[in-house]
Amino acid sequence: MNEVSVLLADDHTLVRAGLRTLVEGFAGFRVVAEAGDGREAVRLARRWKPQIALIDISMPELNGLDATALIAKEAPETQVIILSMHLAENYVLAALRAGAVGYVVKDAAVTELESALRAVLKGERWLSPAVSRHLLDEYLRLVRHPPEETPAPSGLESLTRRQREILQLIAEGCATREIAERLSLSIKTVETHRSQLMERLNIRDVAGLTRFAIRVGLVQPES
């Protein structure tokens, strides 16, 4: 039987090493590539066309959600499972909207990761039981205490993929010229996107954009 090819994407080397050991300890699975950021994950997915990709949400260069959307578009044969520390509904729904077919929380049992891999391989979706319980609790809360009106989408949901991409690079400390070079855009275009970000999010400076990006999980705070 041919081994199932897996791509790992996480910006922590030790985490990737642990995941590789776990995944290759499951019968029939083999890690074919590793990525340390979202942009590299997309590139490797195009190159290797793995059957499954395990992708962290918070990664430099390009976050896991936008990387997932690009993989779904450019390497549709690859099924993405998101690895995340977040249980909140907005993260789970954002992952599913991006094209992920699985969502596993990072403190899950080892057996759960194997179950997720095998379920996705069979064409099924997989949500960590902890996530499923959280979503059910939220649904029951809304049923018992319905809001008076439909809530507006969060600031992150109102942004385009390009705007999220630029927001993340701003929050990672990249200057306008550097962002333009990385994304093959003109400096004026980047400045326009930055102005639109501030207007849409009602934020007045780069420090505010950085705090917002950290709060919604696009980047990790410096330790």
Protein backbone atom coordinates (compact mmCIF):
# COMPACT_ATOMS: atom_id res chain seq x y z
CA MET A 1 0.00 0.00 0.00
CA ASN A 2 1.33 3.45 -0.92
CA GLU A 3 2.06 5.76 1.98
CA VAL A 4 -0.09 8.86 2.49
CA SER A 5 1.97 12.01 1.84
CA VAL A 6 1.77 14.76 4.46
CA LEU A 7 3.01 18.38 4.55
CA LEU A 8 3.73 20.00 7.92
CA ALA A 9 3.56 23.79 8.36
CA ASP A 10 4.47 25.40 11.67
CA ASP A 11 6.96 28.14 12.44
CA HIS A 12 8.44 26.27 15.42
CA THR A 13 11.14 23.76 14.48
CA LEU A 14 10.65 21.61 17.58
CA VAL A 15 6.90 21.47 17.03
CA ARG A 16 7.45 20.28 13.46
CA ALA A 17 9.91 17.67 14.68
CA GLY A 18 7.37 16.37 17.18
CA LEU A 19 4.63 16.30 14.57
CA ARG A 20 6.86 14.44 12.12
CA THR A 21 7.59 11.79 14.74
CA LEU A 22 3.89 11.42 15.53
CA VAL A 23 2.67 11.35 11.93
CA GLU A 24 5.30 8.89 10.76
CA GLY A 25 4.48 6.72 13.77
CA PHE A 26 0.99 6.19 12.31
CA ALA A 27 0.94 3.25 9.92
CA GLY A 28 0.86 4.32 6.29
CA PHE A 29 1.78 8.01 6.65
CA ARG A 30 4.95 9.81 5.53
CA VAL A 31 5.96 13.47 5.88
CA VAL A 32 7.24 14.67 2.50
CA ALA A 33 7.87 18.35 3.27
CA GLU A 34 8.01 20.90 6.09
CA ALA A 35 7.32 24.64 5.99
CA GLY A 36 8.19 27.32 8.51
CA ASP A 37 5.78 29.97 7.20
CA GLY A 38 2.54 30.17 5.28
CA ARG A 39 4.03 31.28 1.99
CA GLU A 40 6.47 28.39 2.00
CA ALA A 41 3.60 26.02 2.80
CA VAL A 42 1.76 27.12 -0.34
CA ARG A 43 4.89 26.75 -2.45
CA LEU A 44 5.59 23.26 -1.12
CA ALA A 45 1.98 22.20 -1.57
CA ARG A 46 2.19 23.19 -5.24
CA ARG A 47 5.48 21.33 -5.62
CA TRP A 48 4.81 18.10 -3.70
CA LYS A 49 1.00 17.89 -4.01
CA PRO A 50 0.69 16.06 -0.67
CA GLN A 51 -2.56 14.33 0.12
CA ILE A 52 -2.84 16.07 3.50
CA ALA A 53 -1.38 19.28 4.94
CA LEU A 54 -1.24 20.00 8.68
CA ILE A 55 -1.12 23.78 9.00
CA ASP A 56 -0.82 26.06 12.02
CA ILE A 57 -2.91 29.25 12.03
CA SER A 58 -0.31 31.68 13.37
CA MET A 59 2.72 31.70 11.05
CA PRO A 60 4.97 34.47 9.70
CA GLU A 61 4.81 35.82 6.14
CA LEU A 62 1.31 34.43 5.56
CA ASN A 63 -1.09 33.14 8.20
CA GLY A 64 -2.45 29.60 8.06
CA LEU A 65 -5.97 30.63 7.09
CA ASP A 66 -4.91 32.53 3.98
CA ALA A 67 -2.35 29.83 3.18
CA THR A 68 -5.18 27.29 3.34
CA ALA A 69 -7.28 29.33 0.92
CA LEU A 70 -4.39 29.48 -1.56
CA ILE A 71 -3.69 25.77 -1.24
CA ALA A 72 -7.36 24.98 -1.84
CA LYS A 73 -7.13 27.03 -5.03
CA GLU A 74 -3.66 26.11 -6.29
CA ALA A 75 -3.26 22.55 -4.97
CA PRO A 76 -6.85 21.26 -4.69
CA GLU A 77 -5.69 17.65 -4.32
CA THR A 78 -4.29 18.55 -0.87
CA GLN A 79 -6.70 18.29 2.05
CA VAL A 80 -5.88 20.80 4.81
CA ILE A 81 -6.22 20.15 8.53
CA ILE A 82 -5.76 23.24 10.67
CA LEU A 83 -3.81 22.92 13.92
CA SER A 84 -4.72 25.60 16.43
CA MET A 85 -4.75 26.57 20.07
CA HIS A 86 -8.04 28.43 19.53
CA LEU A 87 -11.48 27.01 20.36
CA ALA A 88 -13.41 30.17 19.47
CA GLU A 89 -16.13 29.82 16.87
CA ASN A 90 -14.76 32.55 14.60
CA TYR A 91 -11.46 30.70 14.13
CA VAL A 92 -13.16 27.40 13.33
CA LEU A 93 -15.60 28.95 10.88
CA ALA A 94 -12.82 30.98 9.24
CA ALA A 95 -10.80 27.79 8.77
CA LEU A 96 -13.72 25.97 7.18
CA ARG A 97 -14.50 28.93 4.93
CA ALA A 98 -10.86 28.99 3.81
CA GLY A 99 -11.20 25.40 2.64
CA ALA A 100 -9.92 23.34 5.57
CA VAL A 101 -11.56 19.94 6.02
CA GLY A 102 -10.32 19.41 9.56
CA TYR A 103 -9.62 21.41 12.72
CA VAL A 104 -7.54 19.91 15.53
CA VAL A 105 -6.68 21.75 18.74
CA LYS A 106 -3.04 21.56 19.76
CA ASP A 107 -3.71 20.04 23.17
CA ALA A 108 -5.62 17.12 21.63
CA ALA A 109 -4.63 13.53 22.36
CA VAL A 110 -2.28 11.80 19.93
CA THR A 111 -5.05 9.36 19.01
CA GLU A 112 -7.20 12.30 17.94
CA LEU A 113 -4.61 13.46 15.42
CA GLU A 114 -4.50 10.00 13.88
CA SER A 115 -8.31 9.87 13.79
CA ALA A 116 -8.38 13.25 12.03
CA LEU A 117 -5.85 12.12 9.41
CA ARG A 118 -7.71 8.92 8.67
CA ALA A 119 -11.12 10.63 8.56
CA VAL A 120 -9.92 13.25 6.10
CA LEU A 121 -8.29 10.55 4.00
CA LYS A 122 -11.74 8.94 3.65
CA GLY A 123 -13.27 12.20 2.47
CA GLU A 124 -14.81 13.13 5.81
CA ARG A 125 -14.54 16.34 7.82
CA TRP A 126 -13.07 16.33 11.30
CA LEU A 127 -13.47 18.74 14.21
CA SER A 128 -11.82 18.15 17.56
CA PRO A 129 -14.46 17.04 20.09
CA ALA A 130 -13.52 20.05 22.23
CA VAL A 131 -14.33 22.33 19.28
CA SER A 132 -17.60 20.52 18.58
CA ARG A 133 -18.66 20.88 22.20
CA HIS A 134 -17.72 24.57 22.17
CA LEU A 135 -19.76 25.22 19.01
CA LEU A 136 -22.72 23.31 20.44
CA ASP A 137 -22.55 25.30 23.68
CA GLU A 138 -22.46 28.55 21.68
CA TYR A 139 -25.42 27.44 19.57
CA LEU A 140 -27.46 26.56 22.67
CA ARG A 141 -26.56 29.89 24.25
CA LEU A 142 -27.85 31.75 21.20
CA VAL A 143 -31.03 29.67 21.17
CA ARG A 144 -31.71 30.45 24.82
CA HIS A 145 -30.66 34.09 24.60
CA PRO A 146 -31.03 35.22 20.97
CA PRO A 147 -29.41 38.56 20.13
CA GLU A 148 -31.72 41.43 19.33
CA GLU A 149 -30.06 41.86 15.97
CA THR A 150 -27.54 40.06 13.80
CA PRO A 151 -24.05 41.01 14.98
CA ALA A 152 -21.73 42.75 12.56
CA PRO A 153 -18.78 40.73 11.30
CA SER A 154 -15.50 41.15 13.15
CA GLY A 155 -12.92 43.49 11.67
CA LEU A 156 -10.82 40.59 10.39
CA GLU A 157 -13.75 39.07 8.50
CA SER A 158 -14.37 42.37 6.74
CA LEU A 159 -10.89 42.41 5.18
CA THR A 160 -9.86 40.96 1.84
CA ARG A 161 -7.11 38.32 1.66
CA ARG A 162 -4.68 40.94 0.31
CA GLN A 163 -5.53 43.32 3.14
CA ARG A 164 -4.97 40.58 5.73
CA GLU A 165 -1.67 39.75 4.05
CA ILE A 166 -0.50 43.37 4.24
CA LEU A 167 -1.81 43.75 7.79
CA GLN A 168 0.23 40.74 8.89
CA LEU A 169 3.42 42.05 7.29
CA ILE A 170 2.89 45.47 8.87
CA ALA A 171 2.43 43.82 12.26
CA GLU A 172 5.62 41.81 11.70
CA GLY A 173 7.52 45.08 11.34
CA CYS A 174 7.99 45.22 7.58
CA ALA A 175 8.40 48.67 6.02
CA THR A 176 6.25 49.78 3.08
CA ARG A 177 9.01 49.24 0.51
CA GLU A 178 9.74 45.75 1.86
CA ILE A 179 6.05 44.80 1.70
CA ALA A 180 5.86 46.09 -1.86
CA GLU A 181 8.87 44.01 -2.89
CA ARG A 182 7.63 40.84 -1.19
CA LEU A 183 4.17 41.04 -2.74
CA SER A 184 5.28 42.48 -6.11
CA LEU A 185 3.17 45.60 -5.60
CA SER A 186 3.92 49.28 -6.01
CA ILE A 187 4.67 51.35 -2.91
CA LYS A 188 1.60 53.47 -3.66
CA THR A 189 -0.62 50.37 -3.73
CA VAL A 190 0.68 49.23 -0.34
CA GLU A 191 0.11 52.71 1.09
CA THR A 192 -3.44 52.68 -0.27
CA HIS A 193 -4.11 49.29 1.34
CA ARG A 194 -2.71 50.55 4.64
CA SER A 195 -4.99 53.60 4.56
CA GLN A 196 -7.99 51.39 3.76
CA LEU A 197 -7.08 49.08 6.63
CA MET A 198 -7.00 51.96 9.08
CA GLU A 199 -10.29 53.32 7.79
CA ARG A 200 -12.09 49.97 7.80
CA LEU A 201 -10.82 48.99 11.25
CA ASN A 202 -11.12 52.52 12.66
CA ILE A 203 -7.46 52.44 13.68
CA ARG A 204 -5.22 55.49 13.40
CA ASP A 205 -1.65 54.19 13.46
CA VAL A 206 0.64 51.25 12.78
CA ALA A 207 0.87 50.42 16.48
CA GLY A 208 -2.89 50.04 16.55
CA LEU A 209 -2.83 47.78 13.49
CA THR A 210 -0.17 45.65 15.19
CA ARG A 211 -2.23 45.32 18.38
CA PHE A 212 -5.27 44.33 16.32
CA ALA A 213 -3.29 41.70 14.38
CA ILE A 214 -2.07 40.18 17.65
CA ARG A 215 -5.55 40.22 19.18
CA VAL A 216 -7.14 38.33 16.28
CA GLY A 217 -4.28 35.83 16.04
CA LEU A 218 -2.67 36.89 12.76
CA VAL A 219 0.68 37.23 14.54
CA GLN A 220 2.03 36.10 17.86
CA PRO A 221 3.14 38.67 20.47
CA GLU A 222 6.87 38.84 21.03
CA SER A 223 7.93 36.96 24.14
